[in-house]
C-alpha atoms as a PDB file:
ATOM      1  CA  MET A   1      68.550 105.202 196.710  1.00  0.00           C
ATOM      2  CA  ARG A   2      64.997 106.471 196.321  1.00  0.00           C
ATOM      3  CA  THR A   3      65.237 108.211 199.724  1.00  0.00           C
ATOM      4  CA  ALA A   4      68.505 109.883 198.694  1.00  0.00           C
ATOM      5  CA  VAL A   5      66.938 111.234 195.477  1.00  0.00           C
ATOM      6  CA  VAL A   6      63.884 112.580 197.345  1.00  0.00           C
ATOM      7  CA  LEU A   7      66.140 114.162 199.971  1.00  0.00           C
ATOM      8  CA  LEU A   8      68.266 115.740 197.236  1.00  0.00           C
ATOM      9  CA  LEU A   9      65.177 117.178 195.502  1.00  0.00           C
ATOM     10  CA  VAL A  10      63.775 118.604 198.755  1.00  0.00           C
ATOM     11  CA  THR A  11      67.137 120.150 199.680  1.00  0.00           C
ATOM     12  CA  SER A  12      67.521 121.670 196.200  1.00  0.00           C
ATOM     13  CA  ALA A  13      64.023 123.146 196.281  1.00  0.00           C
ATOM     14  CA  ALA A  14      64.619 124.663 199.714  1.00  0.00           C
ATOM     15  CA  ALA A  15      67.912 126.214 198.589  1.00  0.00           C
ATOM     16  CA  ALA A  16      66.265 127.771 195.527  1.00  0.00           C
ATOM     17  CA  ALA A  17      63.325 129.254 197.474  1.00  0.00           C
ATOM     18  CA  PRO A  18      63.436 133.067 197.724  1.00  0.00           C
ATOM     19  CA  VAL A  19      64.432 134.539 201.077  1.00  0.00           C
ATOM     20  CA  PRO A  20      61.509 136.379 202.700  1.00  0.00           C
ATOM     21  CA  LYS A  21      61.952 140.184 202.879  1.00  0.00           C
ATOM     22  CA  SER A  22      61.815 140.066 206.671  1.00  0.00           C
ATOM     23  CA  LEU A  23      64.956 137.881 206.729  1.00  0.00           C
ATOM     24  CA  LYS A  24      66.988 139.847 204.164  1.00  0.00           C
ATOM     25  CA  LYS A  25      69.664 142.215 205.462  1.00  0.00           C
ATOM     26  CA  LYS A  26      68.814 145.723 204.301  1.00  0.00           C
ATOM     27  CA  SER A  27      71.403 147.778 202.471  1.00  0.00           C
ATOM     28  CA  ASP A  28      72.481 151.101 203.915  1.00  0.00           C
ATOM     29  CA  ALA A  29      70.616 152.812 201.063  1.00  0.00           C
ATOM     30  CA  GLU A  30      67.387 151.215 202.323  1.00  0.00           C
ATOM     31  CA  LEU A  31      68.200 151.952 205.968  1.00  0.00           C
ATOM     32  CA  LEU A  32      68.842 155.624 205.182  1.00  0.00           C
ATOM     33  CA  GLU A  33      65.417 156.185 203.620  1.00  0.00           C
ATOM     34  CA  GLY A  34      63.381 158.690 205.584  1.00  0.00           C
ATOM     35  CA  ARG A  35      63.704 162.054 207.253  1.00  0.00           C
ATOM     36  CA  TRP A  36      66.686 162.971 209.459  1.00  0.00           C
ATOM     37  CA  VAL A  37      67.072 166.042 211.666  1.00  0.00           C
ATOM     38  CA  GLY A  38      70.363 167.573 212.781  1.00  0.00           C
ATOM     39  CA  VAL A  39      71.423 167.046 216.392  1.00  0.00           C
ATOM     40  CA  THR A  40      74.980 168.373 216.491  1.00  0.00           C
ATOM     41  CA  LEU A  41      77.470 169.951 214.162  1.00  0.00           C
ATOM     42  CA  ASP A  42      81.146 169.387 214.974  1.00  0.00           C
ATOM     43  CA  GLY A  43      80.389 167.914 218.385  1.00  0.00           C
ATOM     44  CA  GLY A  44      78.371 170.945 219.457  1.00  0.00           C
ATOM     45  CA  GLN A  45      81.188 173.334 218.578  1.00  0.00           C
ATOM     46  CA  GLY A  46      79.580 174.569 215.368  1.00  0.00           C
ATOM     47  CA  PRO A  47      76.374 176.486 214.622  1.00  0.00           C
ATOM     48  CA  LYS A  48      73.049 175.213 215.911  1.00  0.00           C
ATOM     49  CA  ALA A  49      72.213 172.043 214.009  1.00  0.00           C
ATOM     50  CA  ASP A  50      68.562 171.383 214.899  1.00  0.00           C
ATOM     51  CA  ALA A  51      67.241 173.374 211.935  1.00  0.00           C
ATOM     52  CA  MET A  52      69.169 171.144 209.526  1.00  0.00           C
ATOM     53  CA  TRP A  53      67.426 168.216 207.895  1.00  0.00           C
ATOM     54  CA  TRP A  54      67.990 165.576 205.233  1.00  0.00           C
ATOM     55  CA  LYS A  55      65.290 163.570 203.538  1.00  0.00           C
ATOM     56  CA  VAL A  56      66.724 160.499 201.872  1.00  0.00           C
ATOM     57  CA  ILE A  57      64.731 158.998 199.045  1.00  0.00           C
ATOM     58  CA  GLN A  58      65.203 155.787 197.114  1.00  0.00           C
ATOM     59  CA  ASP A  59      67.329 155.589 194.004  1.00  0.00           C
ATOM     60  CA  GLY A  60      70.182 157.751 195.284  1.00  0.00           C
ATOM     61  CA  LYS A  61      68.270 161.016 195.676  1.00  0.00           C
ATOM     62  CA  MET A  62      67.768 163.269 198.646  1.00  0.00           C
ATOM     63  CA  SER A  63      66.771 166.767 199.622  1.00  0.00           C
ATOM     64  CA  SER A  64      68.074 168.872 202.468  1.00  0.00           C
ATOM     65  CA  GLY A  65      67.577 172.171 204.164  1.00  0.00           C
ATOM     66  CA  ASN A  66      68.438 174.408 207.051  1.00  0.00           C
ATOM     67  CA  GLY A  67      65.184 175.659 208.519  1.00  0.00           C
ATOM     68  CA  THR A  68      63.566 175.541 205.077  1.00  0.00           C
ATOM     69  CA  PRO A  69      60.419 173.657 204.025  1.00  0.00           C
ATOM     70  CA  GLU A  70      60.741 170.279 202.380  1.00  0.00           C
ATOM     71  CA  ARG A  71      61.194 170.219 198.623  1.00  0.00           C
ATOM     72  CA  PRO A  72      61.483 167.514 195.981  1.00  0.00           C
ATOM     73  CA  PRO A  73      64.724 165.505 196.038  1.00  0.00           C
ATOM     74  CA  ASP A  74      67.270 167.208 193.787  1.00  0.00           C
ATOM     75  CA  THR A  75      70.570 166.031 195.240  1.00  0.00           C
ATOM     76  CA  LEU A  76      72.278 162.855 194.059  1.00  0.00           C
ATOM     77  CA  PHE A  77      74.337 160.625 196.313  1.00  0.00           C
ATOM     78  CA  THR A  78      76.151 157.309 196.093  1.00  0.00           C
ATOM     79  CA  LEU A  79      77.257 154.963 198.857  1.00  0.00           C
ATOM     80  CA  ASP A  80      80.190 152.581 199.100  1.00  0.00           C
ATOM     81  CA  GLU A  81      79.603 150.219 202.020  1.00  0.00           C
ATOM     82  CA  SER A  82      82.768 148.249 201.237  1.00  0.00           C
ATOM     83  CA  GLN A  83      85.062 151.010 202.547  1.00  0.00           C
ATOM     84  CA  SER A  84      86.054 151.556 206.162  1.00  0.00           C
ATOM     85  CA  PRO A  85      84.811 154.022 207.159  1.00  0.00           C
ATOM     86  CA  LYS A  86      81.938 153.822 204.687  1.00  0.00           C
ATOM     87  CA  HIS A  87      81.935 156.383 201.854  1.00  0.00           C
ATOM     88  CA  MET A  88      79.168 158.647 200.609  1.00  0.00           C
ATOM     89  CA  ASP A  89      79.563 161.056 197.693  1.00  0.00           C
ATOM     90  CA  VAL A  90      76.988 163.846 197.530  1.00  0.00           C
ATOM     91  CA  THR A  91      76.491 166.028 194.465  1.00  0.00           C
ATOM     92  CA  TRP A  92      74.952 169.229 195.777  1.00  0.00           C
ATOM     93  CA  LYS A  93      73.421 171.627 193.239  1.00  0.00           C
ATOM     94  CA  THR A  94      75.717 174.420 194.423  1.00  0.00           C
ATOM     95  CA  VAL A  95      78.966 172.459 194.002  1.00  0.00           C
ATOM     96  CA  LYS A  96      80.426 171.341 190.673  1.00  0.00           C
ATOM     97  CA  GLU A  97      81.877 168.039 191.881  1.00  0.00           C
ATOM     98  CA  PRO A  98      80.654 165.496 194.447  1.00  0.00           C
ATOM     99  CA  LEU A  99      81.692 166.166 198.029  1.00  0.00           C
ATOM    100  CA  PRO A 100      83.437 163.187 199.636  1.00  0.00           C
ATOM    101  CA  TYR A 101      81.823 162.077 202.880  1.00  0.00           C
ATOM    102  CA  ILE A 102      82.321 159.260 205.349  1.00  0.00           C
ATOM    103  CA  TYR A 103      79.315 157.986 207.269  1.00  0.00           C
ATOM    104  CA  LYS A 104      78.231 155.586 209.959  1.00  0.00           C
ATOM    105  CA  LEU A 105      74.725 154.435 210.654  1.00  0.00           C
ATOM    106  CA  GLU A 106      73.932 153.235 214.164  1.00  0.00           C
ATOM    107  CA  GLY A 107      70.225 152.493 214.507  1.00  0.00           C
ATOM    108  CA  ASP A 108      68.425 155.829 214.291  1.00  0.00           C
ATOM    109  CA  THR A 109      71.649 157.877 214.402  1.00  0.00           C
ATOM    110  CA  LEU A 110      73.501 158.922 211.252  1.00  0.00           C
ATOM    111  CA  THR A 111      76.929 160.532 211.515  1.00  0.00           C
ATOM    112  CA  VAL A 112      78.478 162.102 208.416  1.00  0.00           C
ATOM    113  CA  CYS A 113      81.752 163.968 207.938  1.00  0.00           C
ATOM    114  CA  HIS A 114      82.889 165.825 204.841  1.00  0.00           C
ATOM    115  CA  ALA A 115      85.666 168.064 203.671  1.00  0.00           C
ATOM    116  CA  GLN A 116      85.461 171.217 201.635  1.00  0.00           C
ATOM    117  CA  PRO A 117      85.470 170.906 197.818  1.00  0.00           C
ATOM    118  CA  GLY A 118      88.824 169.846 196.438  1.00  0.00           C
ATOM    119  CA  ARG A 119      89.999 168.470 199.792  1.00  0.00           C
ATOM    120  CA  PRO A 120      90.583 164.771 200.532  1.00  0.00           C
ATOM    121  CA  ARG A 121      87.878 162.589 202.034  1.00  0.00           C
ATOM    122  CA  PRO A 122      87.956 162.502 205.843  1.00  0.00           C
ATOM    123  CA  THR A 123      89.345 159.338 207.383  1.00  0.00           C
ATOM    124  CA  GLU A 124      87.907 159.705 210.881  1.00  0.00           C
ATOM    125  CA  PHE A 125      84.828 161.152 212.532  1.00  0.00           C
ATOM    126  CA  LYS A 126      86.354 164.400 213.822  1.00  0.00           C
ATOM    127  CA  GLY A 127      84.980 167.811 213.002  1.00  0.00           C
ATOM    128  CA  GLY A 128      86.905 171.018 212.782  1.00  0.00           C
ATOM    129  CA  GLY A 129      89.861 169.223 211.293  1.00  0.00           C
ATOM    130  CA  PRO A 130      92.427 170.533 208.853  1.00  0.00           C
ATOM    131  CA  GLY A 131      91.065 171.650 205.524  1.00  0.00           C
ATOM    132  CA  GLY A 132      87.630 172.564 206.841  1.00  0.00           C
ATOM    133  CA  GLN A 133      86.310 169.129 207.760  1.00  0.00           C
ATOM    134  CA  TYR A 134      82.786 169.086 209.212  1.00  0.00           C
ATOM    135  CA  CYS A 135      80.881 166.365 211.064  1.00  0.00           C
ATOM    136  CA  LEU A 136      77.138 166.268 211.560  1.00  0.00           C
ATOM    137  CA  VAL A 137      74.995 163.940 213.632  1.00  0.00           C
ATOM    138  CA  PHE A 138      71.396 163.328 212.570  1.00  0.00           C
ATOM    139  CA  LYS A 139      68.553 161.462 214.282  1.00  0.00           C
ATOM    140  CA  ARG A 140      65.827 159.686 212.342  1.00  0.00           C
ATOM    141  CA  VAL A 141      62.403 161.307 212.545  1.00  0.00           C
ATOM    142  CA  LYS A 142      59.891 158.618 213.432  1.00  0.00           C
ATOM    143  CA  GLU A 143      56.912 158.485 211.105  1.00  0.00           C
ATOM    144  CA  GLU A 144      53.633 158.881 212.974  1.00  0.00           C
ATOM    145  CA  SER A 145      51.059 156.162 212.520  1.00  0.00           C
ATOM    146  CA  LYS A 146      48.121 157.136 210.292  1.00  0.00           C
ATOM    147  CA  ASP A 147      45.798 154.862 212.297  1.00  0.00           C
ATOM    148  CA  LYS A 148      45.376 157.390 215.147  1.00  0.00           C
END
């Protein structure tokens, strides 16, 4: 009996212990943090994408540009990881309502597709679709070590 009680207490304590950060699965919001540079727009069919960049910041904020210097995050976004494909809504300063995106994150590659304002959210990762759907592929910019 005494052994069973001790075993129960040890098991309960282990179950209540916090999970170390290194073992926790990161959310997409955490995985998106950082600087991303454009690789292709509409599978290479659109304008040159390498001048495009996104900088994703915590708390649902980001900044972006097309050959412009970085600026403070002024664009709001929300993610819905429960959808398939995953949803992202981005509220650009120049558009009155959030633009509906879909996204997929594969390591250091981020693919996003969106429709023009007032059009339905894309359902697949195909650019140049009906209604002015656009797809962009970004690569993560690796942060250089400050110990050099």
